[in-house]
Amino acid sequence: MSENTMSEHKAPRPKRTGDDRLPGDPDPKTLIERMIRVDHAGEYGAARIYEGQLAVLGKRPVGDTIRHMAAQEQKHLDAFDRLIVERRVRPTILSPVWHAAGFALGAASAALGERAAMACTVAVEEVIEEHYAHQADQLGEDERELREMIEEFRAEELEHKDTGLEHDAEAAPGYRLFSQAVKAGSRAAIWLSTRV
């Protein structure tokens, strides 16, 4: 077999993180640090949203549903707490803001009723699901463990969204406007936490 024929049959090199970078995009190390920083911040904010909802609705029957979602978010946060340390990633300096804002959003949505609390969940989880899908697409085989973790968490965020829809989120008063506002806030928090 000639050398040319052998080179034609080589298996393609597995995709590595950063292979599809464009000019101006961060290098792979910076990209991973940004992912871990923003995901840590996001899971912290999500945990605080559910704490706020439980402060208002914890004693109602829907409280068990919220506690289940909160436990999954805590598992996600614990994983990113570990990665922040292992990868020596600086957390966002906005954590105190997300501490207050997450709880306030959860408590305020719950004060408007169970449907509004679930509408908040649906809106936040739609943004997070898109965010995690984009991240998973950016990660190569060199970051398989991180990619698989993000995909697992994305599936659980989709479960939360479905739970919210099953609990009549779309029947909340002003659903569309409320949803758009929560999504806009969530996207802004992602943008800020990635960079700051």
N, C-alpha and C. Protein backbone atom coordinates (compact mmCIF):
# COMPACT_ATOMS: atom_id res chain seq x y z
N MET A 1 0.86 -1.17 0.00
CA MET A 1 0.00 0.00 0.00
C MET A 1 0.90 1.23 0.00
N SER A 2 0.61 2.20 -0.86
CA SER A 2 1.45 3.39 -0.95
C SER A 2 1.21 4.30 0.25
N GLU A 3 2.15 5.21 0.47
CA GLU A 3 2.04 6.14 1.59
C GLU A 3 0.82 7.03 1.44
N ASN A 4 0.52 7.45 0.21
CA ASN A 4 -0.66 8.29 -0.03
C ASN A 4 -1.94 7.55 0.31
N THR A 5 -2.04 6.26 -0.05
CA THR A 5 -3.24 5.48 0.24
C THR A 5 -3.42 5.33 1.74
N MET A 6 -2.32 5.10 2.47
CA MET A 6 -2.43 4.95 3.92
C MET A 6 -2.92 6.23 4.57
N SER A 7 -2.43 7.39 4.11
CA SER A 7 -2.84 8.65 4.73
C SER A 7 -4.30 8.96 4.44
N GLU A 8 -4.83 8.45 3.34
CA GLU A 8 -6.24 8.68 3.01
C GLU A 8 -7.16 7.93 3.96
N HIS A 9 -6.66 6.85 4.59
CA HIS A 9 -7.50 6.00 5.44
C HIS A 9 -7.35 6.29 6.93
N LYS A 10 -6.58 7.31 7.28
CA LYS A 10 -6.43 7.65 8.69
C LYS A 10 -7.76 8.15 9.24
N ALA A 11 -8.04 7.76 10.46
CA ALA A 11 -9.26 8.24 11.11
C ALA A 11 -9.11 9.73 11.40
N PRO A 12 -10.20 10.47 11.28
CA PRO A 12 -10.10 11.90 11.58
C PRO A 12 -9.76 12.11 13.06
N ARG A 13 -9.02 13.16 13.32
CA ARG A 13 -8.66 13.49 14.69
C ARG A 13 -9.93 13.91 15.44
N PRO A 14 -10.12 13.41 16.67
CA PRO A 14 -11.30 13.80 17.43
C PRO A 14 -11.32 15.31 17.65
N LYS A 15 -12.52 15.87 17.68
CA LYS A 15 -12.68 17.31 17.90
C LYS A 15 -12.14 17.67 19.28
N ARG A 16 -11.37 18.75 19.30
CA ARG A 16 -10.86 19.28 20.56
C ARG A 16 -11.52 20.63 20.83
N THR A 17 -11.63 20.97 22.09
CA THR A 17 -12.20 22.25 22.47
C THR A 17 -11.39 23.36 21.81
N GLY A 18 -12.07 24.26 21.13
CA GLY A 18 -11.40 25.38 20.48
C GLY A 18 -11.08 25.15 19.02
N ASP A 19 -11.34 23.93 18.51
CA ASP A 19 -11.05 23.66 17.09
C ASP A 19 -11.80 24.60 16.15
N ASP A 20 -13.00 25.01 16.57
CA ASP A 20 -13.82 25.85 15.69
C ASP A 20 -13.77 27.33 16.09
N ARG A 21 -12.69 27.72 16.79
CA ARG A 21 -12.54 29.11 17.20
C ARG A 21 -12.41 30.03 16.00
N LEU A 22 -12.95 31.22 16.15
CA LEU A 22 -12.81 32.27 15.14
C LEU A 22 -11.87 33.33 15.69
N PRO A 23 -11.32 34.19 14.82
CA PRO A 23 -10.46 35.26 15.31
C PRO A 23 -11.22 36.10 16.35
N GLY A 24 -10.55 36.35 17.47
CA GLY A 24 -11.18 37.12 18.55
C GLY A 24 -11.84 36.25 19.61
N ASP A 25 -12.07 34.97 19.31
CA ASP A 25 -12.65 34.07 20.30
C ASP A 25 -11.60 33.74 21.36
N PRO A 26 -12.05 33.46 22.58
CA PRO A 26 -11.07 33.12 23.63
C PRO A 26 -10.36 31.80 23.34
N ASP A 27 -9.14 31.67 23.88
CA ASP A 27 -8.42 30.41 23.74
C ASP A 27 -9.15 29.35 24.58
N PRO A 28 -8.87 28.05 24.35
CA PRO A 28 -9.60 26.99 25.05
C PRO A 28 -9.57 27.10 26.58
N LYS A 29 -8.42 27.47 27.15
CA LYS A 29 -8.33 27.59 28.61
C LYS A 29 -9.28 28.68 29.13
N THR A 30 -9.28 29.83 28.46
CA THR A 30 -10.16 30.93 28.86
C THR A 30 -11.62 30.54 28.66
N LEU A 31 -11.91 29.85 27.57
CA LEU A 31 -13.28 29.41 27.29
C LEU A 31 -13.79 28.51 28.42
N ILE A 32 -12.98 27.55 28.84
CA ILE A 32 -13.38 26.63 29.91
C ILE A 32 -13.56 27.39 31.22
N GLU A 33 -12.65 28.30 31.52
CA GLU A 33 -12.77 29.08 32.75
C GLU A 33 -14.06 29.89 32.75
N ARG A 34 -14.39 30.50 31.61
CA ARG A 34 -15.63 31.26 31.51
C ARG A 34 -16.85 30.36 31.70
N MET A 35 -16.81 29.18 31.10
CA MET A 35 -17.93 28.23 31.24
C MET A 35 -18.15 27.87 32.70
N ILE A 36 -17.08 27.51 33.36
CA ILE A 36 -17.19 27.09 34.77
C ILE A 36 -17.66 28.26 35.62
N ARG A 37 -17.12 29.44 35.38
CA ARG A 37 -17.52 30.63 36.15
C ARG A 37 -19.01 30.91 35.99
N VAL A 38 -19.47 30.95 34.75
CA VAL A 38 -20.88 31.31 34.52
C VAL A 38 -21.81 30.19 34.99
N ASP A 39 -21.42 28.94 34.81
CA ASP A 39 -22.28 27.84 35.25
C ASP A 39 -22.37 27.79 36.77
N HIS A 40 -21.26 28.06 37.42
CA HIS A 40 -21.26 28.13 38.89
C HIS A 40 -22.21 29.23 39.35
N ALA A 41 -22.11 30.41 38.73
CA ALA A 41 -22.98 31.53 39.08
C ALA A 41 -24.44 31.20 38.80
N GLY A 42 -24.69 30.58 37.65
CA GLY A 42 -26.06 30.24 37.27
C GLY A 42 -26.70 29.24 38.21
N GLU A 43 -25.95 28.23 38.58
CA GLU A 43 -26.50 27.23 39.50
C GLU A 43 -26.70 27.83 40.89
N TYR A 44 -25.83 28.75 41.28
CA TYR A 44 -26.01 29.44 42.55
C TYR A 44 -27.30 30.26 42.52
N GLY A 45 -27.48 31.01 41.42
CA GLY A 45 -28.70 31.80 41.28
C GLY A 45 -29.95 30.94 41.26
N ALA A 46 -29.88 29.80 40.57
CA ALA A 46 -31.05 28.89 40.50
C ALA A 46 -31.38 28.34 41.88
N ALA A 47 -30.35 27.95 42.62
CA ALA A 47 -30.59 27.45 43.97
C ALA A 47 -31.27 28.51 44.83
N ARG A 48 -30.85 29.76 44.67
CA ARG A 48 -31.46 30.85 45.44
C ARG A 48 -32.90 31.12 45.00
N ILE A 49 -33.19 30.98 43.70
CA ILE A 49 -34.57 31.15 43.23
C ILE A 49 -35.48 30.13 43.93
N TYR A 50 -35.04 28.88 43.97
CA TYR A 50 -35.87 27.85 44.61
C TYR A 50 -35.97 28.07 46.12
N GLU A 51 -34.92 28.60 46.75
CA GLU A 51 -35.00 28.93 48.17
C GLU A 51 -36.07 30.00 48.40
N GLY A 52 -36.09 31.00 47.51
CA GLY A 52 -37.11 32.04 47.60
C GLY A 52 -38.51 31.50 47.41
N GLN A 53 -38.68 30.60 46.45
CA GLN A 53 -39.99 30.00 46.22
C GLN A 53 -40.42 29.16 47.42
N LEU A 54 -39.49 28.42 47.98
CA LEU A 54 -39.83 27.58 49.13
C LEU A 54 -40.17 28.41 50.36
N ALA A 55 -39.57 29.59 50.49
CA ALA A 55 -39.89 30.46 51.62
C ALA A 55 -41.36 30.85 51.60
N VAL A 56 -41.95 30.93 50.42
CA VAL A 56 -43.35 31.32 50.27
C VAL A 56 -44.27 30.11 50.13
N LEU A 57 -43.85 29.12 49.34
CA LEU A 57 -44.73 28.00 48.98
C LEU A 57 -44.33 26.67 49.61
N GLY A 58 -43.33 26.68 50.46
CA GLY A 58 -42.78 25.43 51.00
C GLY A 58 -43.76 24.55 51.74
N LYS A 59 -44.79 25.15 52.35
CA LYS A 59 -45.76 24.35 53.12
C LYS A 59 -46.97 23.92 52.30
N ARG A 60 -47.03 24.35 51.05
CA ARG A 60 -48.14 23.93 50.18
C ARG A 60 -47.76 22.63 49.48
N PRO A 61 -48.74 21.93 48.90
CA PRO A 61 -48.42 20.67 48.21
C PRO A 61 -47.35 20.81 47.13
N VAL A 62 -47.30 21.97 46.46
CA VAL A 62 -46.30 22.17 45.41
C VAL A 62 -44.89 22.26 45.99
N GLY A 63 -44.78 22.43 47.29
CA GLY A 63 -43.48 22.53 47.95
C GLY A 63 -42.60 21.32 47.70
N ASP A 64 -43.20 20.13 47.68
CA ASP A 64 -42.40 18.92 47.44
C ASP A 64 -41.80 18.92 46.03
N THR A 65 -42.58 19.42 45.07
CA THR A 65 -42.07 19.51 43.69
C THR A 65 -40.91 20.50 43.63
N ILE A 66 -41.07 21.64 44.28
CA ILE A 66 -40.01 22.65 44.28
C ILE A 66 -38.77 22.11 45.00
N ARG A 67 -38.98 21.38 46.12
CA ARG A 67 -37.83 20.81 46.84
C ARG A 67 -37.05 19.83 45.98
N HIS A 68 -37.76 19.04 45.16
CA HIS A 68 -37.08 18.10 44.26
C HIS A 68 -36.19 18.86 43.27
N MET A 69 -36.74 19.92 42.67
CA MET A 69 -35.95 20.70 41.71
C MET A 69 -34.79 21.39 42.42
N ALA A 70 -35.04 21.90 43.63
CA ALA A 70 -33.99 22.57 44.39
C ALA A 70 -32.85 21.60 44.71
N ALA A 71 -33.18 20.36 45.02
CA ALA A 71 -32.14 19.36 45.33
C ALA A 71 -31.27 19.10 44.11
N GLN A 72 -31.88 19.05 42.93
CA GLN A 72 -31.09 18.85 41.71
C GLN A 72 -30.19 20.05 41.45
N GLU A 73 -30.72 21.26 41.66
CA GLU A 73 -29.90 22.46 41.47
C GLU A 73 -28.74 22.48 42.46
N GLN A 74 -28.98 22.01 43.68
CA GLN A 74 -27.91 21.96 44.67
C GLN A 74 -26.83 20.97 44.24
N LYS A 75 -27.24 19.86 43.63
CA LYS A 75 -26.27 18.89 43.11
C LYS A 75 -25.42 19.55 42.01
N HIS A 76 -26.05 20.32 41.14
CA HIS A 76 -25.32 21.03 40.08
C HIS A 76 -24.35 22.02 40.70
N LEU A 77 -24.83 22.78 41.68
CA LEU A 77 -23.98 23.78 42.33
C LEU A 77 -22.78 23.12 43.01
N ASP A 78 -23.02 22.00 43.68
CA ASP A 78 -21.92 21.28 44.34
C ASP A 78 -20.85 20.86 43.33
N ALA A 79 -21.30 20.42 42.15
CA ALA A 79 -20.35 20.00 41.11
C ALA A 79 -19.51 21.18 40.63
N PHE A 80 -20.14 22.33 40.45
CA PHE A 80 -19.38 23.50 40.00
C PHE A 80 -18.55 24.11 41.13
N ASP A 81 -19.00 23.97 42.38
CA ASP A 81 -18.16 24.36 43.51
C ASP A 81 -16.84 23.59 43.46
N ARG A 82 -16.94 22.29 43.18
CA ARG A 82 -15.76 21.43 43.10
C ARG A 82 -14.87 21.86 41.94
N LEU A 83 -15.48 22.12 40.76
CA LEU A 83 -14.69 22.49 39.58
C LEU A 83 -14.00 23.84 39.74
N ILE A 84 -14.66 24.78 40.40
CA ILE A 84 -14.06 26.09 40.65
C ILE A 84 -12.72 25.91 41.37
N VAL A 85 -12.70 25.00 42.35
CA VAL A 85 -11.48 24.76 43.12
C VAL A 85 -10.47 23.95 42.30
N GLU A 86 -10.93 22.83 41.70
CA GLU A 86 -10.03 21.95 40.95
C GLU A 86 -9.36 22.66 39.79
N ARG A 87 -10.12 23.48 39.08
CA ARG A 87 -9.58 24.16 37.89
C ARG A 87 -9.02 25.54 38.21
N ARG A 88 -9.09 25.93 39.47
CA ARG A 88 -8.58 27.23 39.91
C ARG A 88 -9.19 28.37 39.10
N VAL A 89 -10.51 28.36 39.03
CA VAL A 89 -11.26 29.38 38.30
C VAL A 89 -11.76 30.43 39.29
N ARG A 90 -11.55 31.67 38.96
CA ARG A 90 -12.05 32.75 39.80
C ARG A 90 -13.57 32.83 39.66
N PRO A 91 -14.31 32.75 40.77
CA PRO A 91 -15.76 32.89 40.67
C PRO A 91 -16.14 34.32 40.28
N THR A 92 -17.34 34.51 39.82
CA THR A 92 -17.79 35.86 39.48
C THR A 92 -17.82 36.73 40.73
N ILE A 93 -17.49 37.99 40.56
CA ILE A 93 -17.56 38.91 41.69
C ILE A 93 -19.01 39.34 41.95
N LEU A 94 -19.92 38.90 41.09
CA LEU A 94 -21.33 39.28 41.22
C LEU A 94 -22.13 38.32 42.10
N SER A 95 -21.47 37.36 42.74
CA SER A 95 -22.19 36.39 43.59
C SER A 95 -23.12 37.06 44.61
N PRO A 96 -22.70 38.13 45.28
CA PRO A 96 -23.64 38.76 46.23
C PRO A 96 -24.90 39.29 45.55
N VAL A 97 -24.76 39.75 44.30
CA VAL A 97 -25.93 40.23 43.55
C VAL A 97 -26.86 39.06 43.25
N TRP A 98 -26.29 37.94 42.77
CA TRP A 98 -27.12 36.78 42.44
C TRP A 98 -27.74 36.16 43.70
N HIS A 99 -27.04 36.30 44.84
CA HIS A 99 -27.57 35.82 46.12
C HIS A 99 -28.90 36.52 46.42
N ALA A 100 -28.88 37.84 46.32
CA ALA A 100 -30.08 38.62 46.63
C ALA A 100 -31.11 38.54 45.51
N ALA A 101 -30.65 38.69 44.27
CA ALA A 101 -31.58 38.72 43.14
C ALA A 101 -32.28 37.38 42.94
N GLY A 102 -31.54 36.28 43.09
CA GLY A 102 -32.15 34.96 42.92
C GLY A 102 -33.25 34.73 43.93
N PHE A 103 -32.96 35.00 45.22
CA PHE A 103 -33.98 34.80 46.26
C PHE A 103 -35.17 35.72 46.02
N ALA A 104 -34.91 36.98 45.67
CA ALA A 104 -35.99 37.94 45.44
C ALA A 104 -36.88 37.49 44.28
N LEU A 105 -36.28 37.03 43.20
CA LEU A 105 -37.07 36.57 42.06
C LEU A 105 -37.92 35.37 42.44
N GLY A 106 -37.32 34.43 43.18
CA GLY A 106 -38.08 33.25 43.60
C GLY A 106 -39.22 33.61 44.52
N ALA A 107 -38.96 34.43 45.52
CA ALA A 107 -39.99 34.81 46.48
C ALA A 107 -41.08 35.65 45.82
N ALA A 108 -40.69 36.59 44.96
CA ALA A 108 -41.68 37.45 44.30
C ALA A 108 -42.57 36.65 43.36
N SER A 109 -41.97 35.74 42.59
CA SER A 109 -42.79 34.93 41.68
C SER A 109 -43.74 34.04 42.47
N ALA A 110 -43.26 33.48 43.58
CA ALA A 110 -44.11 32.62 44.41
C ALA A 110 -45.23 33.42 45.07
N ALA A 111 -44.94 34.67 45.45
CA ALA A 111 -45.96 35.52 46.07
C ALA A 111 -47.11 35.80 45.10
N LEU A 112 -46.83 35.74 43.81
CA LEU A 112 -47.87 35.93 42.79
C LEU A 112 -48.69 34.65 42.58
N GLY A 113 -48.27 33.56 43.18
CA GLY A 113 -49.01 32.30 43.09
C GLY A 113 -48.18 31.18 42.50
N GLU A 114 -48.68 29.97 42.64
CA GLU A 114 -47.96 28.78 42.17
C GLU A 114 -47.70 28.83 40.68
N ARG A 115 -48.69 29.29 39.90
CA ARG A 115 -48.49 29.33 38.45
C ARG A 115 -47.39 30.31 38.07
N ALA A 116 -47.33 31.44 38.75
CA ALA A 116 -46.27 32.42 38.47
C ALA A 116 -44.90 31.85 38.86
N ALA A 117 -44.84 31.13 39.97
CA ALA A 117 -43.57 30.50 40.37
C ALA A 117 -43.13 29.52 39.29
N MET A 118 -44.07 28.74 38.77
CA MET A 118 -43.74 27.79 37.72
C MET A 118 -43.40 28.49 36.40
N ALA A 119 -44.04 29.64 36.14
CA ALA A 119 -43.70 30.42 34.95
C ALA A 119 -42.26 30.92 35.04
N CYS A 120 -41.85 31.31 36.23
CA CYS A 120 -40.46 31.72 36.46
C CYS A 120 -39.52 30.55 36.16
N THR A 121 -39.86 29.37 36.68
CA THR A 121 -39.04 28.18 36.45
C THR A 121 -38.91 27.89 34.96
N VAL A 122 -40.03 27.92 34.24
CA VAL A 122 -40.00 27.61 32.81
C VAL A 122 -39.10 28.61 32.07
N ALA A 123 -39.24 29.89 32.37
CA ALA A 123 -38.45 30.91 31.67
C ALA A 123 -36.96 30.73 31.93
N VAL A 124 -36.60 30.57 33.20
CA VAL A 124 -35.19 30.41 33.55
C VAL A 124 -34.62 29.15 32.90
N GLU A 125 -35.36 28.05 33.00
CA GLU A 125 -34.84 26.78 32.49
C GLU A 125 -34.73 26.77 30.97
N GLU A 126 -35.59 27.49 30.27
CA GLU A 126 -35.46 27.58 28.81
C GLU A 126 -34.14 28.24 28.43
N VAL A 127 -33.78 29.30 29.14
CA VAL A 127 -32.52 30.00 28.87
C VAL A 127 -31.34 29.11 29.23
N ILE A 128 -31.40 28.45 30.37
CA ILE A 128 -30.29 27.60 30.82
C ILE A 128 -30.11 26.41 29.88
N GLU A 129 -31.21 25.85 29.43
CA GLU A 129 -31.13 24.70 28.51
C GLU A 129 -30.41 25.11 27.22
N GLU A 130 -30.76 26.26 26.66
CA GLU A 130 -30.09 26.75 25.45
C GLU A 130 -28.60 27.01 25.73
N HIS A 131 -28.33 27.60 26.88
CA HIS A 131 -26.97 27.92 27.28
C HIS A 131 -26.12 26.65 27.39
N TYR A 132 -26.65 25.63 28.07
CA TYR A 132 -25.92 24.37 28.22
C TYR A 132 -25.74 23.66 26.88
N ALA A 133 -26.74 23.71 26.02
CA ALA A 133 -26.61 23.08 24.69
C ALA A 133 -25.47 23.73 23.90
N HIS A 134 -25.39 25.06 23.96
CA HIS A 134 -24.32 25.78 23.26
C HIS A 134 -22.96 25.40 23.82
N GLN A 135 -22.87 25.32 25.15
CA GLN A 135 -21.60 24.94 25.76
C GLN A 135 -21.18 23.52 25.35
N ALA A 136 -22.12 22.59 25.39
CA ALA A 136 -21.81 21.20 25.04
C ALA A 136 -21.27 21.11 23.62
N ASP A 137 -21.83 21.92 22.71
CA ASP A 137 -21.37 21.94 21.31
C ASP A 137 -19.94 22.46 21.19
N GLN A 138 -19.53 23.31 22.10
CA GLN A 138 -18.19 23.90 22.04
C GLN A 138 -17.10 22.98 22.60
N LEU A 139 -17.51 22.01 23.39
CA LEU A 139 -16.53 21.16 24.07
C LEU A 139 -16.16 19.95 23.23
N GLY A 140 -14.86 19.67 23.16
CA GLY A 140 -14.38 18.53 22.39
C GLY A 140 -14.11 17.32 23.26
N GLU A 141 -13.48 16.34 22.66
CA GLU A 141 -13.19 15.09 23.37
C GLU A 141 -12.21 15.29 24.52
N ASP A 142 -11.40 16.34 24.44
CA ASP A 142 -10.47 16.63 25.52
C ASP A 142 -11.20 17.09 26.79
N GLU A 143 -12.45 17.47 26.66
CA GLU A 143 -13.27 17.90 27.80
C GLU A 143 -14.55 17.05 27.87
N ARG A 144 -14.39 15.77 27.58
CA ARG A 144 -15.55 14.87 27.54
C ARG A 144 -16.29 14.83 28.88
N GLU A 145 -15.54 14.75 29.98
CA GLU A 145 -16.16 14.65 31.31
C GLU A 145 -17.01 15.89 31.61
N LEU A 146 -16.48 17.07 31.30
CA LEU A 146 -17.23 18.31 31.52
C LEU A 146 -18.45 18.35 30.60
N ARG A 147 -18.26 17.96 29.34
CA ARG A 147 -19.37 17.96 28.39
C ARG A 147 -20.49 17.03 28.85
N GLU A 148 -20.13 15.83 29.30
CA GLU A 148 -21.14 14.87 29.76
C GLU A 148 -21.87 15.37 31.00
N MET A 149 -21.15 16.05 31.88
CA MET A 149 -21.79 16.62 33.07
C MET A 149 -22.78 17.71 32.67
N ILE A 150 -22.37 18.58 31.76
CA ILE A 150 -23.25 19.65 31.28
C ILE A 150 -24.48 19.07 30.60
N GLU A 151 -24.30 18.01 29.81
CA GLU A 151 -25.44 17.38 29.15
C GLU A 151 -26.39 16.74 30.16
N GLU A 152 -25.84 16.16 31.22
CA GLU A 152 -26.69 15.59 32.28
C GLU A 152 -27.49 16.69 32.97
N PHE A 153 -26.83 17.79 33.29
CA PHE A 153 -27.51 18.89 33.96
C PHE A 153 -28.54 19.52 33.02
N ARG A 154 -28.22 19.61 31.74
CA ARG A 154 -29.17 20.15 30.77
C ARG A 154 -30.45 19.31 30.75
N ALA A 155 -30.31 17.99 30.80
CA ALA A 155 -31.50 17.12 30.82
C ALA A 155 -32.34 17.39 32.07
N GLU A 156 -31.70 17.64 33.19
CA GLU A 156 -32.46 17.93 34.41
C GLU A 156 -33.12 19.30 34.35
N GLU A 157 -32.47 20.27 33.69
CA GLU A 157 -33.10 21.58 33.52
C GLU A 157 -34.34 21.45 32.63
N LEU A 158 -34.26 20.60 31.60
CA LEU A 158 -35.42 20.36 30.75
C LEU A 158 -36.55 19.71 31.55
N GLU A 159 -36.18 18.83 32.47
CA GLU A 159 -37.17 18.20 33.35
C GLU A 159 -37.88 19.26 34.19
N HIS A 160 -37.12 20.24 34.69
CA HIS A 160 -37.71 21.32 35.49
C HIS A 160 -38.67 22.15 34.64
N LYS A 161 -38.26 22.44 33.41
CA LYS A 161 -39.13 23.19 32.50
C LYS A 161 -40.44 22.43 32.28
N ASP A 162 -40.33 21.14 32.01
CA ASP A 162 -41.53 20.32 31.79
C ASP A 162 -42.41 20.28 33.04
N THR A 163 -41.78 20.22 34.20
CA THR A 163 -42.53 20.23 35.46
C THR A 163 -43.31 21.53 35.59
N GLY A 164 -42.67 22.64 35.25
CA GLY A 164 -43.35 23.93 35.31
C GLY A 164 -44.54 23.98 34.38
N LEU A 165 -44.37 23.46 33.17
CA LEU A 165 -45.48 23.44 32.21
C LEU A 165 -46.62 22.55 32.69
N GLU A 166 -46.26 21.42 33.31
CA GLU A 166 -47.29 20.50 33.85
C GLU A 166 -48.06 21.15 35.00
N HIS A 167 -47.44 22.12 35.66
CA HIS A 167 -48.10 22.83 36.77
C HIS A 167 -48.72 24.16 36.30
N ASP A 168 -49.14 24.20 35.04
CA ASP A 168 -49.92 25.33 34.48
C ASP A 168 -49.18 26.66 34.46
N ALA A 169 -47.88 26.62 34.22
CA ALA A 169 -47.10 27.87 34.14
C ALA A 169 -47.68 28.83 33.11
N GLU A 170 -48.10 28.30 31.97
CA GLU A 170 -48.59 29.17 30.89
C GLU A 170 -49.92 29.83 31.22
N ALA A 171 -50.59 29.37 32.29
CA ALA A 171 -51.85 29.98 32.72
C ALA A 171 -51.63 31.11 33.72
N ALA A 172 -50.37 31.39 34.05
CA ALA A 172 -50.09 32.50 34.98
C ALA A 172 -50.50 33.81 34.34
N PRO A 173 -51.07 34.74 35.11
CA PRO A 173 -51.43 36.05 34.56
C PRO A 173 -50.20 36.74 33.96
N GLY A 174 -50.35 37.28 32.76
CA GLY A 174 -49.25 37.98 32.11
C GLY A 174 -48.08 37.09 31.76
N TYR A 175 -48.36 35.81 31.48
CA TYR A 175 -47.30 34.82 31.28
C TYR A 175 -46.26 35.27 30.26
N ARG A 176 -46.71 35.70 29.10
CA ARG A 176 -45.76 36.02 28.02
C ARG A 176 -44.82 37.17 28.42
N LEU A 177 -45.39 38.22 28.97
CA LEU A 177 -44.58 39.38 29.36
C LEU A 177 -43.64 39.01 30.50
N PHE A 178 -44.16 38.30 31.50
CA PHE A 178 -43.35 37.86 32.65
C PHE A 178 -42.21 36.96 32.17
N SER A 179 -42.54 36.02 31.29
CA SER A 179 -41.53 35.09 30.77
C SER A 179 -40.42 35.84 30.03
N GLN A 180 -40.80 36.79 29.20
CA GLN A 180 -39.80 37.55 28.44
C GLN A 180 -38.89 38.35 29.37
N ALA A 181 -39.46 38.92 30.43
CA ALA A 181 -38.67 39.69 31.38
C ALA A 181 -37.67 38.79 32.12
N VAL A 182 -38.13 37.62 32.56
CA VAL A 182 -37.25 36.70 33.28
C VAL A 182 -36.16 36.19 32.35
N LYS A 183 -36.50 35.88 31.11
CA LYS A 183 -35.50 35.41 30.15
C LYS A 183 -34.45 36.49 29.88
N ALA A 184 -34.90 37.73 29.72
CA ALA A 184 -33.96 38.82 29.47
C ALA A 184 -33.02 38.99 30.66
N GLY A 185 -33.55 38.91 31.86
CA GLY A 185 -32.71 39.00 33.05
C GLY A 185 -31.72 37.85 33.15
N SER A 186 -32.18 36.66 32.80
CA SER A 186 -31.31 35.48 32.86
C SER A 186 -30.18 35.58 31.84
N ARG A 187 -30.51 36.05 30.64
CA ARG A 187 -29.46 36.20 29.61
C ARG A 187 -28.45 37.27 30.00
N ALA A 188 -28.93 38.35 30.61
CA ALA A 188 -28.01 39.40 31.07
C ALA A 188 -27.10 38.86 32.17
N ALA A 189 -27.66 38.06 33.08
CA ALA A 189 -26.85 37.48 34.16
C ALA A 189 -25.78 36.55 33.59
N ILE A 190 -26.13 35.78 32.56
CA ILE A 190 -25.16 34.89 31.91
C ILE A 190 -24.03 35.72 31.30
N TRP A 191 -24.39 36.75 30.57
CA TRP A 191 -23.38 37.58 29.90
C TRP A 191 -22.44 38.21 30.92
N LEU A 192 -23.00 38.76 31.99
CA LEU A 192 -22.19 39.41 33.01
C LEU A 192 -21.30 38.42 33.75
N SER A 193 -21.87 37.28 34.14
CA SER A 193 -21.12 36.32 34.96
C SER A 193 -20.01 35.64 34.16
N THR A 194 -20.16 35.56 32.86
CA THR A 194 -19.10 35.00 32.02
C THR A 194 -17.86 35.88 32.07
N ARG A 195 -18.07 37.18 32.16
CA ARG A 195 -16.98 38.13 32.00
C ARG A 195 -16.48 38.76 33.30
N VAL A 196 -17.38 38.90 34.29
CA VAL A 196 -17.01 39.67 35.49
C VAL A 196 -16.73 38.77 36.68
